Amino acid sequence: MSIKGREFIEFAGRCIEQGDEIGYRNAIGRAYYGAYHEVSGILEKAIFVHTHQSIRDYLLKESWLKGNEPFDKMRLISLGSRLKQMHTNRISADYNLDENFSDVDAQAALIQAKKFIEDLDSMYKQTYPDPLTAT
């Protein structure tokens, strides 16, 4: 059975419902992974890019160069920057066990991931409009 990145984001919501710090930490991580997998899945020329850092670097520095991705330059850069911030939060939630993570932290990560997906979908539809709705 295969899954989509969006399912990680849905699971992040269920982690928050658990109502404890381990759930909040996992929600932050799952929200990041959902965004990471979704953006990785639409990149057309990033077949050589397989690590978290290389995806972020590709979005920020190369994806928008002529002949690479067909998407808007500033949107790709924005997605790369946001993915970098979500990754930083994920690292903190996974490794900084001395820090406290709350419902607010987890909710913020979930909101950020959902907005990331909305913007990713919008960028994709701008380049590849639905043939049934295109005029």
C-alpha atoms as a PDB file:
ATOM      1  CA  MET A   1       0.000   0.000   0.000  1.00  0.00           C
ATOM      2  CA  SER A   2       1.352   3.417  -0.883  1.00  0.00           C
ATOM      3  CA  ILE A   3       0.402   6.722   0.666  1.00  0.00           C
ATOM      4  CA  LYS A   4       0.612  10.407  -0.145  1.00  0.00           C
ATOM      5  CA  GLY A   5       2.339  13.172   1.759  1.00  0.00           C
ATOM      6  CA  ARG A   6      -1.041  14.651   2.632  1.00  0.00           C
ATOM      7  CA  GLU A   7      -1.746  11.612   4.753  1.00  0.00           C
ATOM      8  CA  PHE A   8       1.201  12.545   6.977  1.00  0.00           C
ATOM      9  CA  ILE A   9      -0.466  15.913   7.523  1.00  0.00           C
ATOM     10  CA  GLU A  10      -3.784  14.274   8.370  1.00  0.00           C
ATOM     11  CA  PHE A  11      -1.959  12.031  10.828  1.00  0.00           C
ATOM     12  CA  ALA A  12      -0.334  15.111  12.375  1.00  0.00           C
ATOM     13  CA  GLY A  13      -3.815  16.266  13.310  1.00  0.00           C
ATOM     14  CA  ARG A  14      -4.487  12.945  15.035  1.00  0.00           C
ATOM     15  CA  CYS A  15      -1.197  13.262  16.910  1.00  0.00           C
ATOM     16  CA  ILE A  16      -2.347  16.620  18.282  1.00  0.00           C
ATOM     17  CA  GLU A  17      -5.601  15.041  19.447  1.00  0.00           C
ATOM     18  CA  GLN A  18      -3.533  12.706  21.613  1.00  0.00           C
ATOM     19  CA  GLY A  19      -3.061  15.743  23.871  1.00  0.00           C
ATOM     20  CA  ASP A  20       0.458  15.128  25.142  1.00  0.00           C
ATOM     21  CA  GLU A  21       3.958  16.291  24.345  1.00  0.00           C
ATOM     22  CA  ILE A  22       4.948  13.200  22.380  1.00  0.00           C
ATOM     23  CA  GLY A  23       1.888  13.730  20.223  1.00  0.00           C
ATOM     24  CA  TYR A  24       2.788  17.380  19.699  1.00  0.00           C
ATOM     25  CA  ARG A  25       6.359  16.508  18.774  1.00  0.00           C
ATOM     26  CA  ASN A  26       5.174  13.874  16.325  1.00  0.00           C
ATOM     27  CA  ALA A  27       2.647  16.273  14.821  1.00  0.00           C
ATOM     28  CA  ILE A  28       5.466  18.718  14.039  1.00  0.00           C
ATOM     29  CA  GLY A  29       7.478  15.969  12.388  1.00  0.00           C
ATOM     30  CA  ARG A  30       4.581  14.509  10.420  1.00  0.00           C
ATOM     31  CA  ALA A  31       3.520  17.964   9.212  1.00  0.00           C
ATOM     32  CA  TYR A  32       7.019  18.538   7.861  1.00  0.00           C
ATOM     33  CA  TYR A  33       7.203  15.141   6.181  1.00  0.00           C
ATOM     34  CA  GLY A  34       3.839  15.692   4.538  1.00  0.00           C
ATOM     35  CA  ALA A  35       5.043  18.930   2.977  1.00  0.00           C
ATOM     36  CA  TYR A  36       8.388  17.377   2.015  1.00  0.00           C
ATOM     37  CA  HIS A  37       6.817  14.402   0.246  1.00  0.00           C
ATOM     38  CA  GLU A  38       4.204  16.489  -1.553  1.00  0.00           C
ATOM     39  CA  VAL A  39       6.680  19.001  -2.976  1.00  0.00           C
ATOM     40  CA  SER A  40       9.138  16.240  -3.850  1.00  0.00           C
ATOM     41  CA  GLY A  41       6.359  14.515  -5.775  1.00  0.00           C
ATOM     42  CA  ILE A  42       5.649  17.379  -8.172  1.00  0.00           C
ATOM     43  CA  LEU A  43       9.213  18.337  -9.039  1.00  0.00           C
ATOM     44  CA  GLU A  44       9.857  17.246 -12.603  1.00  0.00           C
ATOM     45  CA  LYS A  45      13.636  17.559 -12.899  1.00  0.00           C
ATOM     46  CA  ALA A  46      14.728  16.689  -9.369  1.00  0.00           C
ATOM     47  CA  ILE A  47      15.209  12.979  -9.978  1.00  0.00           C
ATOM     48  CA  PHE A  48      18.775  13.241  -8.688  1.00  0.00           C
ATOM     49  CA  VAL A  49      17.694  15.038  -5.509  1.00  0.00           C
ATOM     50  CA  HIS A  50      16.974  12.641  -2.652  1.00  0.00           C
ATOM     51  CA  THR A  51      17.827  14.256   0.664  1.00  0.00           C
ATOM     52  CA  HIS A  52      16.037  16.847   2.744  1.00  0.00           C
ATOM     53  CA  GLN A  53      18.770  19.407   2.262  1.00  0.00           C
ATOM     54  CA  SER A  54      19.109  18.738  -1.457  1.00  0.00           C
ATOM     55  CA  ILE A  55      15.367  19.262  -2.005  1.00  0.00           C
ATOM     56  CA  ARG A  56      15.484  22.563  -0.099  1.00  0.00           C
ATOM     57  CA  ASP A  57      18.627  23.679  -1.915  1.00  0.00           C
ATOM     58  CA  TYR A  58      17.114  22.704  -5.261  1.00  0.00           C
ATOM     59  CA  LEU A  59      13.971  24.738  -4.551  1.00  0.00           C
ATOM     60  CA  LEU A  60      15.953  27.743  -3.389  1.00  0.00           C
ATOM     61  CA  LYS A  61      18.779  27.762  -5.942  1.00  0.00           C
ATOM     62  CA  GLU A  62      18.149  25.630  -9.026  1.00  0.00           C
ATOM     63  CA  SER A  63      14.532  24.639  -9.538  1.00  0.00           C
ATOM     64  CA  TRP A  64      13.625  27.931 -11.166  1.00  0.00           C
ATOM     65  CA  LEU A  65      16.605  28.092 -13.545  1.00  0.00           C
ATOM     66  CA  LYS A  66      15.697  27.894 -17.218  1.00  0.00           C
ATOM     67  CA  GLY A  67      15.028  24.336 -18.260  1.00  0.00           C
ATOM     68  CA  ASN A  68      14.363  23.029 -14.776  1.00  0.00           C
ATOM     69  CA  GLU A  69      10.907  23.275 -13.227  1.00  0.00           C
ATOM     70  CA  PRO A  70       8.030  24.916 -15.128  1.00  0.00           C
ATOM     71  CA  PHE A  71       6.725  26.681 -12.021  1.00  0.00           C
ATOM     72  CA  ASP A  72       6.975  30.310 -10.928  1.00  0.00           C
ATOM     73  CA  LYS A  73      10.404  31.229  -9.582  1.00  0.00           C
ATOM     74  CA  MET A  74       9.261  33.141  -6.501  1.00  0.00           C
ATOM     75  CA  ARG A  75       6.803  30.421  -5.528  1.00  0.00           C
ATOM     76  CA  LEU A  76       9.519  27.768  -5.711  1.00  0.00           C
ATOM     77  CA  ILE A  77      11.859  29.896  -3.617  1.00  0.00           C
ATOM     78  CA  SER A  78       9.094  30.551  -1.095  1.00  0.00           C
ATOM     79  CA  LEU A  79       8.335  26.840  -0.814  1.00  0.00           C
ATOM     80  CA  GLY A  80      12.029  26.098  -0.303  1.00  0.00           C
ATOM     81  CA  SER A  81      12.331  28.692   2.441  1.00  0.00           C
ATOM     82  CA  ARG A  82       9.221  27.456   4.202  1.00  0.00           C
ATOM     83  CA  LEU A  83      10.300  23.831   3.917  1.00  0.00           C
ATOM     84  CA  LYS A  84      13.622  24.789   5.493  1.00  0.00           C
ATOM     85  CA  GLN A  85      11.822  26.382   8.452  1.00  0.00           C
ATOM     86  CA  MET A  86       9.549  23.357   8.889  1.00  0.00           C
ATOM     87  CA  HIS A  87      12.604  21.095   8.805  1.00  0.00           C
ATOM     88  CA  THR A  88      14.289  23.174  11.498  1.00  0.00           C
ATOM     89  CA  ASN A  89      11.176  22.787  13.651  1.00  0.00           C
ATOM     90  CA  ARG A  90      11.087  19.039  12.982  1.00  0.00           C
ATOM     91  CA  ILE A  91      14.737  18.662  14.004  1.00  0.00           C
ATOM     92  CA  SER A  92      14.054  20.592  17.187  1.00  0.00           C
ATOM     93  CA  ALA A  93      11.004  18.476  18.028  1.00  0.00           C
ATOM     94  CA  ASP A  94      12.909  15.240  17.393  1.00  0.00           C
ATOM     95  CA  TYR A  95      16.229  16.044  19.050  1.00  0.00           C
ATOM     96  CA  ASN A  96      15.855  18.850  21.591  1.00  0.00           C
ATOM     97  CA  LEU A  97      14.347  16.815  24.390  1.00  0.00           C
ATOM     98  CA  ASP A  98      15.010  19.586  26.932  1.00  0.00           C
ATOM     99  CA  GLU A  99      12.573  21.896  25.151  1.00  0.00           C
ATOM    100  CA  ASN A 100       8.854  21.800  25.829  1.00  0.00           C
ATOM    101  CA  PHE A 101       6.433  21.534  22.923  1.00  0.00           C
ATOM    102  CA  SER A 102       2.817  22.489  23.345  1.00  0.00           C
ATOM    103  CA  ASP A 103      -0.467  22.224  21.540  1.00  0.00           C
ATOM    104  CA  VAL A 104       0.182  25.710  20.159  1.00  0.00           C
ATOM    105  CA  ASP A 105       3.496  24.600  18.632  1.00  0.00           C
ATOM    106  CA  ALA A 106       1.895  21.567  17.036  1.00  0.00           C
ATOM    107  CA  GLN A 107      -1.128  23.515  15.770  1.00  0.00           C
ATOM    108  CA  ALA A 108       1.195  26.100  14.227  1.00  0.00           C
ATOM    109  CA  ALA A 109       3.122  23.351  12.418  1.00  0.00           C
ATOM    110  CA  LEU A 110      -0.112  21.825  11.147  1.00  0.00           C
ATOM    111  CA  ILE A 111      -1.421  25.179   9.908  1.00  0.00           C
ATOM    112  CA  GLN A 112       1.905  25.873   8.219  1.00  0.00           C
ATOM    113  CA  ALA A 113       1.863  22.486   6.470  1.00  0.00           C
ATOM    114  CA  LYS A 114      -1.739  22.899   5.297  1.00  0.00           C
ATOM    115  CA  LYS A 115      -0.954  26.357   3.909  1.00  0.00           C
ATOM    116  CA  PHE A 116       2.145  24.925   2.224  1.00  0.00           C
ATOM    117  CA  ILE A 117      -0.039  22.314   0.487  1.00  0.00           C
ATOM    118  CA  GLU A 118      -2.594  24.948  -0.557  1.00  0.00           C
ATOM    119  CA  ASP A 119       0.145  27.066  -2.095  1.00  0.00           C
ATOM    120  CA  LEU A 120       1.745  24.036  -3.730  1.00  0.00           C
ATOM    121  CA  ASP A 121      -1.600  23.041  -5.278  1.00  0.00           C
ATOM    122  CA  SER A 122      -2.199  26.593  -6.465  1.00  0.00           C
ATOM    123  CA  MET A 123       1.248  26.765  -8.072  1.00  0.00           C
ATOM    124  CA  TYR A 124       0.687  23.442  -9.794  1.00  0.00           C
ATOM    125  CA  LYS A 125      -2.766  24.425 -11.081  1.00  0.00           C
ATOM    126  CA  GLN A 126      -1.394  27.705 -12.399  1.00  0.00           C
ATOM    127  CA  THR A 127       0.995  25.741 -14.606  1.00  0.00           C
ATOM    128  CA  TYR A 128      -1.288  22.767 -15.317  1.00  0.00           C
ATOM    129  CA  PRO A 129      -4.896  23.971 -15.220  1.00  0.00           C
ATOM    130  CA  ASP A 130      -7.626  21.395 -15.041  1.00  0.00           C
ATOM    131  CA  PRO A 131      -8.671  20.782 -18.657  1.00  0.00           C
ATOM    132  CA  LEU A 132     -12.338  20.725 -17.616  1.00  0.00           C
ATOM    133  CA  THR A 133     -12.171  24.216 -16.144  1.00  0.00           C
ATOM    134  CA  ALA A 134      -9.607  25.806 -18.468  1.00  0.00           C
ATOM    135  CA  THR A 135     -10.952  28.277 -21.016  1.00  0.00           C
END
